[in-house]
Amino acid sequence: FIRKLPHNLIDAFRSTLEEVCYADYII
């Protein structure tokens, strides 16, 4: 992650980033 991460980038990478949502725990 980084500050001011572009919204278009978050939308495009949402399926990748949402792996966090389906994980059991976070490191």
PDB file of all heavy atoms in Angstrom:
ATOM      1  N   PHE A   1       0.839  -1.193   0.000  1.00  0.00           N
ATOM      2  CA  PHE A   1       0.000   0.000   0.000  1.00  0.00           C
ATOM      3  C   PHE A   1       0.878   1.248   0.000  1.00  0.00           C
ATOM      4  O   PHE A   1       2.068   1.201   0.300  1.00  0.00           O
ATOM      5  CB  PHE A   1      -0.920   0.013   1.228  1.00  0.00           C
ATOM      6  CG  PHE A   1      -1.841  -1.174   1.311  1.00  0.00           C
ATOM      7  CD1 PHE A   1      -2.283  -1.648   2.532  1.00  0.00           C
ATOM      8  CD2 PHE A   1      -2.265  -1.828   0.162  1.00  0.00           C
ATOM      9  CE1 PHE A   1      -3.131  -2.744   2.619  1.00  0.00           C
ATOM     10  CE2 PHE A   1      -3.112  -2.919   0.228  1.00  0.00           C
ATOM     11  CZ  PHE A   1      -3.543  -3.375   1.462  1.00  0.00           C
ATOM     12  N   ILE A   2       0.264   2.359  -0.325  1.00  0.00           N
ATOM     13  CA  ILE A   2       0.966   3.635  -0.341  1.00  0.00           C
ATOM     14  C   ILE A   2      -0.059   4.742  -0.188  1.00  0.00           C
ATOM     15  O   ILE A   2      -1.242   4.558  -0.515  1.00  0.00           O
ATOM     16  CB  ILE A   2       1.770   3.819  -1.650  1.00  0.00           C
ATOM     17  CG1 ILE A   2       2.825   4.918  -1.505  1.00  0.00           C
ATOM     18  CG2 ILE A   2       0.854   4.092  -2.829  1.00  0.00           C
ATOM     19  CD1 ILE A   2       3.801   4.989  -2.659  1.00  0.00           C
ATOM     20  N   ARG A   3       0.342   5.890   0.331  1.00  0.00           N
ATOM     21  CA  ARG A   3      -0.600   7.005   0.464  1.00  0.00           C
ATOM     22  C   ARG A   3      -1.006   7.466  -0.937  1.00  0.00           C
ATOM     23  O   ARG A   3      -0.241   7.371  -1.898  1.00  0.00           O
ATOM     24  CB  ARG A   3       0.014   8.142   1.264  1.00  0.00           C
ATOM     25  CG  ARG A   3       1.029   8.961   0.516  1.00  0.00           C
ATOM     26  CD  ARG A   3       1.569  10.091   1.353  1.00  0.00           C
ATOM     27  NE  ARG A   3       2.899   9.769   1.856  1.00  0.00           N
ATOM     28  CZ  ARG A   3       3.509  10.420   2.829  1.00  0.00           C
ATOM     29  NH1 ARG A   3       2.921  11.409   3.426  1.00  0.00           N
ATOM     30  NH2 ARG A   3       4.704  10.076   3.226  1.00  0.00           N
ATOM     31  N   LYS A   4      -2.214   7.973  -1.040  1.00  0.00           N
ATOM     32  CA  LYS A   4      -2.758   8.469  -2.305  1.00  0.00           C
ATOM     33  C   LYS A   4      -2.724   7.390  -3.384  1.00  0.00           C
ATOM     34  O   LYS A   4      -2.451   7.678  -4.546  1.00  0.00           O
ATOM     35  CB  LYS A   4      -1.997   9.715  -2.778  1.00  0.00           C
ATOM     36  CG  LYS A   4      -2.012  10.879  -1.802  1.00  0.00           C
ATOM     37  CD  LYS A   4      -1.221  12.063  -2.324  1.00  0.00           C
ATOM     38  CE  LYS A   4      -1.167  13.190  -1.308  1.00  0.00           C
ATOM     39  NZ  LYS A   4      -0.359  14.344  -1.789  1.00  0.00           N
ATOM     40  N   LEU A   5      -2.986   6.127  -2.999  1.00  0.00           N
ATOM     41  CA  LEU A   5      -3.040   5.054  -3.977  1.00  0.00           C
ATOM     42  C   LEU A   5      -4.191   5.338  -4.936  1.00  0.00           C
ATOM     43  O   LEU A   5      -5.320   5.535  -4.511  1.00  0.00           O
ATOM     44  CB  LEU A   5      -3.259   3.707  -3.280  1.00  0.00           C
ATOM     45  CG  LEU A   5      -3.026   2.446  -4.102  1.00  0.00           C
ATOM     46  CD1 LEU A   5      -1.570   2.355  -4.537  1.00  0.00           C
ATOM     47  CD2 LEU A   5      -3.413   1.208  -3.316  1.00  0.00           C
ATOM     48  N   PRO A   6      -3.921   5.397  -6.251  1.00  0.00           N
ATOM     49  CA  PRO A   6      -4.959   5.781  -7.220  1.00  0.00           C
ATOM     50  C   PRO A   6      -6.196   4.895  -7.139  1.00  0.00           C
ATOM     51  O   PRO A   6      -6.088   3.672  -7.025  1.00  0.00           O
ATOM     52  CB  PRO A   6      -4.250   5.607  -8.571  1.00  0.00           C
ATOM     53  CG  PRO A   6      -2.795   5.739  -8.260  1.00  0.00           C
ATOM     54  CD  PRO A   6      -2.625   5.154  -6.887  1.00  0.00           C
ATOM     55  N   HIS A   7      -7.369   5.528  -7.205  1.00  0.00           N
ATOM     56  CA  HIS A   7      -8.623   4.774  -7.121  1.00  0.00           C
ATOM     57  C   HIS A   7      -8.749   3.776  -8.268  1.00  0.00           C
ATOM     58  O   HIS A   7      -9.247   2.665  -8.077  1.00  0.00           O
ATOM     59  CB  HIS A   7      -9.818   5.729  -7.125  1.00  0.00           C
ATOM     60  CG  HIS A   7      -9.914   6.564  -5.885  1.00  0.00           C
ATOM     61  ND1 HIS A   7     -10.161   6.018  -4.645  1.00  0.00           N
ATOM     62  CD2 HIS A   7      -9.785   7.899  -5.678  1.00  0.00           C
ATOM     63  CE1 HIS A   7     -10.185   6.978  -3.726  1.00  0.00           C
ATOM     64  NE2 HIS A   7      -9.953   8.122  -4.334  1.00  0.00           N
ATOM     65  N   ASN A   8      -8.318   4.175  -9.482  1.00  0.00           N
ATOM     66  CA  ASN A   8      -8.385   3.255 -10.613  1.00  0.00           C
ATOM     67  C   ASN A   8      -7.569   2.000 -10.350  1.00  0.00           C
ATOM     68  O   ASN A   8      -7.937   0.898 -10.756  1.00  0.00           O
ATOM     69  CB  ASN A   8      -7.861   3.938 -11.888  1.00  0.00           C
ATOM     70  CG  ASN A   8      -8.840   4.960 -12.435  1.00  0.00           C
ATOM     71  OD1 ASN A   8     -10.034   4.900 -12.143  1.00  0.00           O
ATOM     72  ND2 ASN A   8      -8.354   5.891 -13.220  1.00  0.00           N
ATOM     73  N   LEU A   9      -6.456   2.173  -9.670  1.00  0.00           N
ATOM     74  CA  LEU A   9      -5.592   1.037  -9.369  1.00  0.00           C
ATOM     75  C   LEU A   9      -6.244   0.130  -8.334  1.00  0.00           C
ATOM     76  O   LEU A   9      -6.188  -1.096  -8.444  1.00  0.00           O
ATOM     77  CB  LEU A   9      -4.245   1.548  -8.845  1.00  0.00           C
ATOM     78  CG  LEU A   9      -3.029   0.655  -9.061  1.00  0.00           C
ATOM     79  CD1 LEU A   9      -2.866   0.294 -10.527  1.00  0.00           C
ATOM     80  CD2 LEU A   9      -1.783   1.332  -8.552  1.00  0.00           C
ATOM     81  N   ILE A  10      -6.880   0.721  -7.329  1.00  0.00           N
ATOM     82  CA  ILE A  10      -7.578  -0.077  -6.316  1.00  0.00           C
ATOM     83  C   ILE A  10      -8.711  -0.864  -6.963  1.00  0.00           C
ATOM     84  O   ILE A  10      -8.907  -2.050  -6.685  1.00  0.00           O
ATOM     85  CB  ILE A  10      -8.119   0.826  -5.196  1.00  0.00           C
ATOM     86  CG1 ILE A  10      -6.950   1.454  -4.424  1.00  0.00           C
ATOM     87  CG2 ILE A  10      -9.011   0.032  -4.248  1.00  0.00           C
ATOM     88  CD1 ILE A  10      -7.385   2.436  -3.359  1.00  0.00           C
ATOM     89  N   ASP A  11      -9.458  -0.215  -7.860  1.00  0.00           N
ATOM     90  CA  ASP A  11     -10.561  -0.900  -8.541  1.00  0.00           C
ATOM     91  C   ASP A  11     -10.048  -2.052  -9.399  1.00  0.00           C
ATOM     92  O   ASP A  11     -10.613  -3.142  -9.403  1.00  0.00           O
ATOM     93  CB  ASP A  11     -11.334   0.087  -9.416  1.00  0.00           C
ATOM     94  CG  ASP A  11     -12.130   1.088  -8.596  1.00  0.00           C
ATOM     95  OD1 ASP A  11     -12.398   0.795  -7.418  1.00  0.00           O
ATOM     96  OD2 ASP A  11     -12.454   2.177  -9.114  1.00  0.00           O
ATOM     97  N   ALA A  12      -8.951  -1.804 -10.148  1.00  0.00           N
ATOM     98  CA  ALA A  12      -8.417  -2.825 -11.042  1.00  0.00           C
ATOM     99  C   ALA A  12      -7.845  -4.008 -10.264  1.00  0.00           C
ATOM    100  O   ALA A  12      -7.980  -5.157 -10.670  1.00  0.00           O
ATOM    101  CB  ALA A  12      -7.347  -2.224 -11.954  1.00  0.00           C
ATOM    102  N   PHE A  13      -7.209  -3.726  -9.128  1.00  0.00           N
ATOM    103  CA  PHE A  13      -6.577  -4.770  -8.335  1.00  0.00           C
ATOM    104  C   PHE A  13      -7.486  -5.288  -7.223  1.00  0.00           C
ATOM    105  O   PHE A  13      -7.026  -5.999  -6.338  1.00  0.00           O
ATOM    106  CB  PHE A  13      -5.266  -4.248  -7.713  1.00  0.00           C
ATOM    107  CG  PHE A  13      -4.085  -4.338  -8.626  1.00  0.00           C
ATOM    108  CD1 PHE A  13      -3.946  -3.442  -9.676  1.00  0.00           C
ATOM    109  CD2 PHE A  13      -3.128  -5.318  -8.466  1.00  0.00           C
ATOM    110  CE1 PHE A  13      -2.851  -3.509 -10.526  1.00  0.00           C
ATOM    111  CE2 PHE A  13      -2.038  -5.400  -9.315  1.00  0.00           C
ATOM    112  CZ  PHE A  13      -1.899  -4.503 -10.350  1.00  0.00           C
ATOM    113  N   ARG A  14      -8.769  -4.951  -7.295  1.00  0.00           N
ATOM    114  CA  ARG A  14      -9.657  -5.307  -6.190  1.00  0.00           C
ATOM    115  C   ARG A  14      -9.706  -6.813  -5.960  1.00  0.00           C
ATOM    116  O   ARG A  14      -9.670  -7.283  -4.814  1.00  0.00           O
ATOM    117  CB  ARG A  14     -11.074  -4.779  -6.459  1.00  0.00           C
ATOM    118  CG  ARG A  14     -11.996  -5.028  -5.268  1.00  0.00           C
ATOM    119  CD  ARG A  14     -13.310  -4.269  -5.421  1.00  0.00           C
ATOM    120  NE  ARG A  14     -13.091  -2.850  -5.612  1.00  0.00           N
ATOM    121  CZ  ARG A  14     -12.757  -2.012  -4.655  1.00  0.00           C
ATOM    122  NH1 ARG A  14     -12.578  -2.468  -3.427  1.00  0.00           N
ATOM    123  NH2 ARG A  14     -12.600  -0.732  -4.904  1.00  0.00           N
ATOM    124  N   SER A  15      -9.771  -7.589  -7.037  1.00  0.00           N
ATOM    125  CA  SER A  15      -9.857  -9.041  -6.866  1.00  0.00           C
ATOM    126  C   SER A  15      -8.615  -9.595  -6.182  1.00  0.00           C
ATOM    127  O   SER A  15      -8.680 -10.567  -5.426  1.00  0.00           O
ATOM    128  CB  SER A  15     -10.036  -9.731  -8.227  1.00  0.00           C
ATOM    129  OG  SER A  15      -8.927  -9.482  -9.075  1.00  0.00           O
ATOM    130  N   THR A  16      -7.463  -8.952  -6.438  1.00  0.00           N
ATOM    131  CA  THR A  16      -6.231  -9.371  -5.787  1.00  0.00           C
ATOM    132  C   THR A  16      -6.209  -8.924  -4.334  1.00  0.00           C
ATOM    133  O   THR A  16      -5.889  -9.698  -3.423  1.00  0.00           O
ATOM    134  CB  THR A  16      -5.011  -8.784  -6.533  1.00  0.00           C
ATOM    135  OG1 THR A  16      -5.023  -9.258  -7.870  1.00  0.00           O
ATOM    136  CG2 THR A  16      -3.724  -9.188  -5.855  1.00  0.00           C
ATOM    137  N   LEU A  17      -6.543  -7.653  -4.112  1.00  0.00           N
ATOM    138  CA  LEU A  17      -6.500  -7.109  -2.761  1.00  0.00           C
ATOM    139  C   LEU A  17      -7.517  -7.778  -1.844  1.00  0.00           C
ATOM    140  O   LEU A  17      -7.289  -7.901  -0.637  1.00  0.00           O
ATOM    141  CB  LEU A  17      -6.748  -5.604  -2.806  1.00  0.00           C
ATOM    142  CG  LEU A  17      -5.658  -4.760  -3.476  1.00  0.00           C
ATOM    143  CD1 LEU A  17      -6.120  -3.325  -3.658  1.00  0.00           C
ATOM    144  CD2 LEU A  17      -4.373  -4.796  -2.672  1.00  0.00           C
ATOM    145  N   GLU A  18      -8.632  -8.221  -2.419  1.00  0.00           N
ATOM    146  CA  GLU A  18      -9.667  -8.818  -1.585  1.00  0.00           C
ATOM    147  C   GLU A  18      -9.295 -10.202  -1.078  1.00  0.00           C
ATOM    148  O   GLU A  18     -10.031 -10.800  -0.297  1.00  0.00           O
ATOM    149  CB  GLU A  18     -11.002  -8.854  -2.328  1.00  0.00           C
ATOM    150  CG  GLU A  18     -11.675  -7.486  -2.388  1.00  0.00           C
ATOM    151  CD  GLU A  18     -13.038  -7.504  -3.060  1.00  0.00           C
ATOM    152  OE1 GLU A  18     -13.416  -8.562  -3.597  1.00  0.00           O
ATOM    153  OE2 GLU A  18     -13.712  -6.463  -3.051  1.00  0.00           O
ATOM    154  N   GLU A  19      -8.138 -10.719  -1.523  1.00  0.00           N
ATOM    155  CA  GLU A  19      -7.631 -11.944  -0.910  1.00  0.00           C
ATOM    156  C   GLU A  19      -7.485 -11.753   0.598  1.00  0.00           C
ATOM    157  O   GLU A  19      -7.627 -12.700   1.368  1.00  0.00           O
ATOM    158  CB  GLU A  19      -6.287 -12.318  -1.524  1.00  0.00           C
ATOM    159  CG  GLU A  19      -6.353 -12.979  -2.882  1.00  0.00           C
ATOM    160  CD  GLU A  19      -6.941 -14.373  -2.820  1.00  0.00           C
ATOM    161  OE1 GLU A  19      -6.348 -15.240  -2.148  1.00  0.00           O
ATOM    162  OE2 GLU A  19      -8.007 -14.598  -3.420  1.00  0.00           O
ATOM    163  N   VAL A  20      -7.208 -10.508   0.987  1.00  0.00           N
ATOM    164  CA  VAL A  20      -7.071 -10.192   2.412  1.00  0.00           C
ATOM    165  C   VAL A  20      -8.397 -10.426   3.128  1.00  0.00           C
ATOM    166  O   VAL A  20      -8.430 -10.924   4.261  1.00  0.00           O
ATOM    167  CB  VAL A  20      -6.621  -8.730   2.602  1.00  0.00           C
ATOM    168  CG1 VAL A  20      -6.471  -8.407   4.086  1.00  0.00           C
ATOM    169  CG2 VAL A  20      -5.316  -8.481   1.872  1.00  0.00           C
ATOM    170  N   CYS A  21      -9.489 -10.071   2.467  1.00  0.00           N
ATOM    171  CA  CYS A  21     -10.809 -10.192   3.092  1.00  0.00           C
ATOM    172  C   CYS A  21     -11.175 -11.647   3.369  1.00  0.00           C
ATOM    173  O   CYS A  21     -11.895 -11.940   4.325  1.00  0.00           O
ATOM    174  CB  CYS A  21     -11.883  -9.551   2.203  1.00  0.00           C
ATOM    175  SG  CYS A  21     -11.606  -7.802   1.841  1.00  0.00           S
ATOM    176  N   TYR A  22     -10.680 -12.552   2.509  1.00  0.00           N
ATOM    177  CA  TYR A  22     -11.054 -13.956   2.652  1.00  0.00           C
ATOM    178  C   TYR A  22     -10.045 -14.754   3.460  1.00  0.00           C
ATOM    179  O   TYR A  22     -10.239 -15.947   3.688  1.00  0.00           O
ATOM    180  CB  TYR A  22     -11.230 -14.582   1.266  1.00  0.00           C
ATOM    181  CG  TYR A  22     -12.356 -13.948   0.482  1.00  0.00           C
ATOM    182  CD1 TYR A  22     -12.103 -13.025  -0.526  1.00  0.00           C
ATOM    183  CD2 TYR A  22     -13.687 -14.255   0.761  1.00  0.00           C
ATOM    184  CE1 TYR A  22     -13.130 -12.428  -1.230  1.00  0.00           C
ATOM    185  CE2 TYR A  22     -14.721 -13.662   0.057  1.00  0.00           C
ATOM    186  CZ  TYR A  22     -14.436 -12.746  -0.939  1.00  0.00           C
ATOM    187  OH  TYR A  22     -15.459 -12.157  -1.639  1.00  0.00           O
ATOM    188  N   ALA A  23      -8.972 -14.116   3.864  1.00  0.00           N
ATOM    189  CA  ALA A  23      -7.992 -14.798   4.710  1.00  0.00           C
ATOM    190  C   ALA A  23      -8.553 -14.966   6.116  1.00  0.00           C
ATOM    191  O   ALA A  23      -9.447 -14.233   6.545  1.00  0.00           O
ATOM    192  CB  ALA A  23      -6.688 -14.002   4.752  1.00  0.00           C
ATOM    193  N   ASP A  24      -8.023 -15.942   6.835  1.00  0.00           N
ATOM    194  CA  ASP A  24      -8.468 -16.179   8.210  1.00  0.00           C
ATOM    195  C   ASP A  24      -7.820 -15.205   9.190  1.00  0.00           C
ATOM    196  O   ASP A  24      -8.431 -14.777  10.167  1.00  0.00           O
ATOM    197  CB  ASP A  24      -8.124 -17.616   8.628  1.00  0.00           C
ATOM    198  CG  ASP A  24      -8.791 -18.646   7.735  1.00  0.00           C
ATOM    199  OD1 ASP A  24     -10.034 -18.659   7.691  1.00  0.00           O
ATOM    200  OD2 ASP A  24      -8.073 -19.422   7.086  1.00  0.00           O
ATOM    201  N   TYR A  25      -6.563 -14.837   8.896  1.00  0.00           N
ATOM    202  CA  TYR A  25      -5.807 -13.945   9.771  1.00  0.00           C
ATOM    203  C   TYR A  25      -4.977 -12.995   8.910  1.00  0.00           C
ATOM    204  O   TYR A  25      -4.805 -13.213   7.703  1.00  0.00           O
ATOM    205  CB  TYR A  25      -4.867 -14.738  10.699  1.00  0.00           C
ATOM    206  CG  TYR A  25      -5.562 -15.801  11.509  1.00  0.00           C
ATOM    207  CD1 TYR A  25      -5.669 -17.108  11.022  1.00  0.00           C
ATOM    208  CD2 TYR A  25      -6.118 -15.517  12.751  1.00  0.00           C
ATOM    209  CE1 TYR A  25      -6.312 -18.095  11.754  1.00  0.00           C
ATOM    210  CE2 TYR A  25      -6.760 -16.496  13.498  1.00  0.00           C
ATOM    211  CZ  TYR A  25      -6.854 -17.781  12.987  1.00  0.00           C
ATOM    212  OH  TYR A  25      -7.504 -18.751  13.713  1.00  0.00           O
ATOM    213  N   ILE A  26      -4.459 -11.960   9.531  1.00  0.00           N
ATOM    214  CA  ILE A  26      -3.647 -10.971   8.818  1.00  0.00           C
ATOM    215  C   ILE A  26      -2.296 -10.832   9.515  1.00  0.00           C
ATOM    216  O   ILE A  26      -2.226 -10.746  10.747  1.00  0.00           O
ATOM    217  CB  ILE A  26      -4.360  -9.609   8.776  1.00  0.00           C
ATOM    218  CG1 ILE A  26      -5.586  -9.697   7.870  1.00  0.00           C
ATOM    219  CG2 ILE A  26      -3.423  -8.507   8.281  1.00  0.00           C
ATOM    220  CD1 ILE A  26      -6.429  -8.439   7.859  1.00  0.00           C
ATOM    221  N   ILE A  27      -1.243 -10.829   8.705  1.00  0.00           N
ATOM    222  CA  ILE A  27       0.099 -10.505   9.198  1.00  0.00           C
ATOM    223  C   ILE A  27       0.459  -9.139   8.648  1.00  0.00           C
ATOM    224  O   ILE A  27       0.585  -8.957   7.434  1.00  0.00           O
ATOM    225  CB  ILE A  27       1.134 -11.559   8.757  1.00  0.00           C
ATOM    226  CG1 ILE A  27       0.816 -12.910   9.407  1.00  0.00           C
ATOM    227  CG2 ILE A  27       2.549 -11.105   9.128  1.00  0.00           C
ATOM    228  CD1 ILE A  27       1.759 -14.028   8.973  1.00  0.00           C
TER     229      ILE A  27
END
